[in-house]
Amino acid sequence: MSTFSLNPPAPRKPWFTRIPLISRIGRELASGNTGTVLAFLVIVLTVLALAIRTWGLVVLGLTALACVPVIFVLLIAITVGK
């Protein structure tokens, strides 16, 4: 039996396609379709605007606080080179 195969292995899916919450958006990003991502961003900004209208500036502070770990991970990823 040889170690060579006529069928190459299937390409690995990106890690973000395995997370249920963002899997559809991740698949759309991987395929190059940005329409779904833009629609998601519009929905997030609309929810943020409605929350600011309801609760005021407290929402902006909580949003900034929630973004701190995300930006920290992005900075580490840039530093490592991924």
N, C-alpha and C. Protein backbone atom coordinates (compact mmCIF):
# COMPACT_ATOMS: atom_id res chain seq x y z
N MET A 1 0.85 -1.17 0.00
CA MET A 1 0.00 0.00 0.00
C MET A 1 0.90 1.24 0.00
N SER A 2 0.59 2.19 -0.84
CA SER A 2 1.43 3.38 -0.93
C SER A 2 0.87 4.50 -0.05
N THR A 3 1.71 5.45 0.22
CA THR A 3 1.28 6.57 1.05
C THR A 3 0.70 7.70 0.21
N PHE A 4 0.79 7.58 -1.10
CA PHE A 4 0.26 8.62 -1.97
C PHE A 4 -1.21 8.37 -2.24
N SER A 5 -1.95 9.45 -2.37
CA SER A 5 -3.37 9.35 -2.62
C SER A 5 -3.74 10.20 -3.82
N LEU A 6 -4.70 9.72 -4.58
CA LEU A 6 -5.16 10.49 -5.72
C LEU A 6 -6.05 11.65 -5.29
N ASN A 7 -6.67 11.51 -4.15
CA ASN A 7 -7.55 12.57 -3.65
C ASN A 7 -6.81 13.39 -2.60
N PRO A 8 -6.58 14.66 -2.88
CA PRO A 8 -5.91 15.49 -1.87
C PRO A 8 -6.83 15.72 -0.68
N PRO A 9 -6.28 15.97 0.48
CA PRO A 9 -7.13 16.21 1.65
C PRO A 9 -7.94 17.50 1.48
N ALA A 10 -9.12 17.48 2.06
CA ALA A 10 -9.99 18.66 1.98
C ALA A 10 -9.35 19.81 2.73
N PRO A 11 -9.49 21.02 2.21
CA PRO A 11 -8.90 22.17 2.92
C PRO A 11 -9.58 22.37 4.27
N ARG A 12 -8.77 22.77 5.25
CA ARG A 12 -9.32 23.02 6.58
C ARG A 12 -10.13 24.28 6.59
N LYS A 13 -11.23 24.23 7.30
CA LYS A 13 -12.07 25.42 7.44
C LYS A 13 -11.43 26.34 8.47
N PRO A 14 -11.61 27.66 8.31
CA PRO A 14 -11.09 28.58 9.33
C PRO A 14 -11.76 28.32 10.68
N TRP A 15 -11.07 28.68 11.76
CA TRP A 15 -11.57 28.39 13.11
C TRP A 15 -12.88 29.08 13.40
N PHE A 16 -13.11 30.26 12.81
CA PHE A 16 -14.33 30.99 13.17
C PHE A 16 -15.58 30.40 12.54
N THR A 17 -15.45 29.48 11.61
CA THR A 17 -16.64 28.84 11.02
C THR A 17 -17.19 27.75 11.93
N ARG A 18 -16.45 27.37 12.98
CA ARG A 18 -16.92 26.34 13.88
C ARG A 18 -17.65 26.90 15.10
N ILE A 19 -17.70 28.22 15.25
CA ILE A 19 -18.40 28.85 16.36
C ILE A 19 -19.85 29.09 15.93
N PRO A 20 -20.83 28.53 16.65
CA PRO A 20 -22.22 28.62 16.19
C PRO A 20 -22.73 30.05 16.03
N LEU A 21 -22.30 30.95 16.90
CA LEU A 21 -22.84 32.31 16.86
C LEU A 21 -22.44 33.04 15.59
N ILE A 22 -21.21 32.85 15.14
CA ILE A 22 -20.74 33.60 13.97
C ILE A 22 -20.38 32.69 12.79
N SER A 23 -20.86 31.44 12.81
CA SER A 23 -20.45 30.52 11.76
C SER A 23 -20.93 30.96 10.39
N ARG A 24 -22.16 31.44 10.29
CA ARG A 24 -22.66 31.86 8.99
C ARG A 24 -21.89 33.07 8.47
N ILE A 25 -21.64 34.02 9.34
CA ILE A 25 -20.88 35.20 8.93
C ILE A 25 -19.45 34.80 8.59
N GLY A 26 -18.88 33.87 9.36
CA GLY A 26 -17.54 33.39 9.06
C GLY A 26 -17.45 32.70 7.71
N ARG A 27 -18.44 31.88 7.40
CA ARG A 27 -18.44 31.21 6.08
C ARG A 27 -18.57 32.23 4.96
N GLU A 28 -19.39 33.25 5.17
CA GLU A 28 -19.55 34.28 4.15
C GLU A 28 -18.25 35.06 3.97
N LEU A 29 -17.56 35.34 5.07
CA LEU A 29 -16.27 36.02 4.97
C LEU A 29 -15.25 35.17 4.23
N ALA A 30 -15.23 33.88 4.53
CA ALA A 30 -14.26 32.98 3.90
C ALA A 30 -14.52 32.84 2.41
N SER A 31 -15.79 32.93 2.00
CA SER A 31 -16.11 32.79 0.58
C SER A 31 -15.97 34.10 -0.17
N GLY A 32 -15.80 35.20 0.54
CA GLY A 32 -15.59 36.48 -0.13
C GLY A 32 -16.85 37.33 -0.26
N ASN A 33 -17.97 36.86 0.25
CA ASN A 33 -19.22 37.61 0.18
C ASN A 33 -19.31 38.53 1.39
N THR A 34 -19.33 39.84 1.14
CA THR A 34 -19.34 40.79 2.25
C THR A 34 -20.74 41.34 2.55
N GLY A 35 -21.74 40.94 1.80
CA GLY A 35 -23.09 41.46 2.01
C GLY A 35 -23.64 41.11 3.37
N THR A 36 -23.46 39.87 3.80
CA THR A 36 -23.96 39.44 5.10
C THR A 36 -23.23 40.15 6.23
N VAL A 37 -21.95 40.34 6.07
CA VAL A 37 -21.16 41.01 7.11
C VAL A 37 -21.60 42.46 7.24
N LEU A 38 -21.82 43.12 6.13
CA LEU A 38 -22.28 44.51 6.18
C LEU A 38 -23.67 44.61 6.80
N ALA A 39 -24.55 43.66 6.48
CA ALA A 39 -25.88 43.65 7.10
C ALA A 39 -25.77 43.44 8.60
N PHE A 40 -24.87 42.57 9.04
CA PHE A 40 -24.66 42.34 10.46
C PHE A 40 -24.16 43.60 11.16
N LEU A 41 -23.23 44.32 10.51
CA LEU A 41 -22.72 45.56 11.09
C LEU A 41 -23.81 46.62 11.19
N VAL A 42 -24.68 46.70 10.20
CA VAL A 42 -25.80 47.65 10.25
C VAL A 42 -26.73 47.31 11.41
N ILE A 43 -26.99 46.02 11.61
CA ILE A 43 -27.86 45.60 12.71
C ILE A 43 -27.22 45.94 14.06
N VAL A 44 -25.92 45.68 14.19
CA VAL A 44 -25.23 45.98 15.46
C VAL A 44 -25.24 47.48 15.74
N LEU A 45 -24.99 48.29 14.73
CA LEU A 45 -25.00 49.75 14.93
C LEU A 45 -26.40 50.26 15.25
N THR A 46 -27.43 49.66 14.65
CA THR A 46 -28.79 50.05 14.95
C THR A 46 -29.15 49.72 16.40
N VAL A 47 -28.77 48.53 16.84
CA VAL A 47 -29.03 48.14 18.23
C VAL A 47 -28.28 49.06 19.19
N LEU A 48 -27.05 49.42 18.83
CA LEU A 48 -26.27 50.33 19.66
C LEU A 48 -26.92 51.71 19.73
N ALA A 49 -27.41 52.20 18.61
CA ALA A 49 -28.06 53.51 18.59
C ALA A 49 -29.35 53.49 19.42
N LEU A 50 -30.11 52.41 19.32
CA LEU A 50 -31.34 52.31 20.12
C LEU A 50 -31.02 52.20 21.62
N ALA A 51 -29.94 51.49 21.95
CA ALA A 51 -29.55 51.39 23.35
C ALA A 51 -29.09 52.73 23.89
N ILE A 52 -28.36 53.51 23.08
CA ILE A 52 -27.92 54.84 23.51
C ILE A 52 -29.13 55.74 23.71
N ARG A 53 -30.09 55.61 22.83
CA ARG A 53 -31.30 56.44 22.96
C ARG A 53 -32.08 56.08 24.23
N THR A 54 -32.05 54.79 24.59
CA THR A 54 -32.80 54.36 25.76
C THR A 54 -32.05 54.65 27.07
N TRP A 55 -30.76 54.26 27.14
CA TRP A 55 -30.03 54.34 28.40
C TRP A 55 -28.98 55.44 28.45
N GLY A 56 -28.70 56.09 27.37
CA GLY A 56 -27.77 57.21 27.38
C GLY A 56 -26.32 56.79 27.22
N LEU A 57 -25.44 57.62 27.79
CA LEU A 57 -24.00 57.44 27.61
C LEU A 57 -23.43 56.24 28.34
N VAL A 58 -24.19 55.66 29.25
CA VAL A 58 -23.72 54.47 29.96
C VAL A 58 -23.44 53.33 28.97
N VAL A 59 -24.25 53.27 27.93
CA VAL A 59 -24.08 52.22 26.91
C VAL A 59 -22.74 52.38 26.19
N LEU A 60 -22.33 53.60 25.93
CA LEU A 60 -21.04 53.81 25.26
C LEU A 60 -19.88 53.34 26.14
N GLY A 61 -19.98 53.61 27.43
CA GLY A 61 -18.95 53.15 28.35
C GLY A 61 -18.89 51.64 28.44
N LEU A 62 -20.04 51.00 28.51
CA LEU A 62 -20.07 49.53 28.57
C LEU A 62 -19.60 48.91 27.26
N THR A 63 -19.91 49.54 26.14
CA THR A 63 -19.45 49.04 24.85
C THR A 63 -17.93 49.15 24.75
N ALA A 64 -17.39 50.27 25.18
CA ALA A 64 -15.93 50.43 25.17
C ALA A 64 -15.27 49.42 26.11
N LEU A 65 -15.88 49.18 27.25
CA LEU A 65 -15.34 48.21 28.18
C LEU A 65 -15.37 46.79 27.59
N ALA A 66 -16.40 46.47 26.85
CA ALA A 66 -16.49 45.16 26.21
C ALA A 66 -15.50 45.01 25.06
N CYS A 67 -15.11 46.11 24.44
CA CYS A 67 -14.17 46.06 23.31
C CYS A 67 -12.71 45.94 23.74
N VAL A 68 -12.41 46.19 24.99
CA VAL A 68 -11.02 46.15 25.46
C VAL A 68 -10.38 44.78 25.25
N PRO A 69 -11.00 43.66 25.65
CA PRO A 69 -10.36 42.36 25.40
C PRO A 69 -10.21 42.05 23.91
N VAL A 70 -11.17 42.48 23.11
CA VAL A 70 -11.10 42.22 21.66
C VAL A 70 -9.90 42.94 21.06
N ILE A 71 -9.73 44.20 21.40
CA ILE A 71 -8.60 44.96 20.87
C ILE A 71 -7.28 44.40 21.40
N PHE A 72 -7.27 43.96 22.66
CA PHE A 72 -6.07 43.37 23.24
C PHE A 72 -5.66 42.11 22.47
N VAL A 73 -6.62 41.25 22.15
CA VAL A 73 -6.33 40.04 21.38
C VAL A 73 -5.86 40.40 19.98
N LEU A 74 -6.47 41.40 19.36
CA LEU A 74 -6.03 41.82 18.03
C LEU A 74 -4.60 42.35 18.06
N LEU A 75 -4.24 43.12 19.07
CA LEU A 75 -2.88 43.61 19.18
C LEU A 75 -1.87 42.48 19.37
N ILE A 76 -2.23 41.49 20.16
CA ILE A 76 -1.35 40.33 20.34
C ILE A 76 -1.21 39.57 19.03
N ALA A 77 -2.32 39.40 18.30
CA ALA A 77 -2.27 38.68 17.02
C ALA A 77 -1.40 39.42 16.01
N ILE A 78 -1.46 40.75 16.01
CA ILE A 78 -0.62 41.53 15.11
C ILE A 78 0.85 41.39 15.52
N THR A 79 1.11 41.41 16.82
CA THR A 79 2.48 41.30 17.29
C THR A 79 3.09 39.94 16.94
N VAL A 80 2.30 38.89 17.12
CA VAL A 80 2.78 37.54 16.83
C VAL A 80 2.93 37.35 15.32
N GLY A 81 2.10 38.01 14.54
CA GLY A 81 2.20 37.93 13.09
C GLY A 81 1.18 37.05 12.44
N LYS A 82 0.05 36.84 13.06
CA LYS A 82 -1.00 36.00 12.48
C LYS A 82 -2.04 36.82 11.79
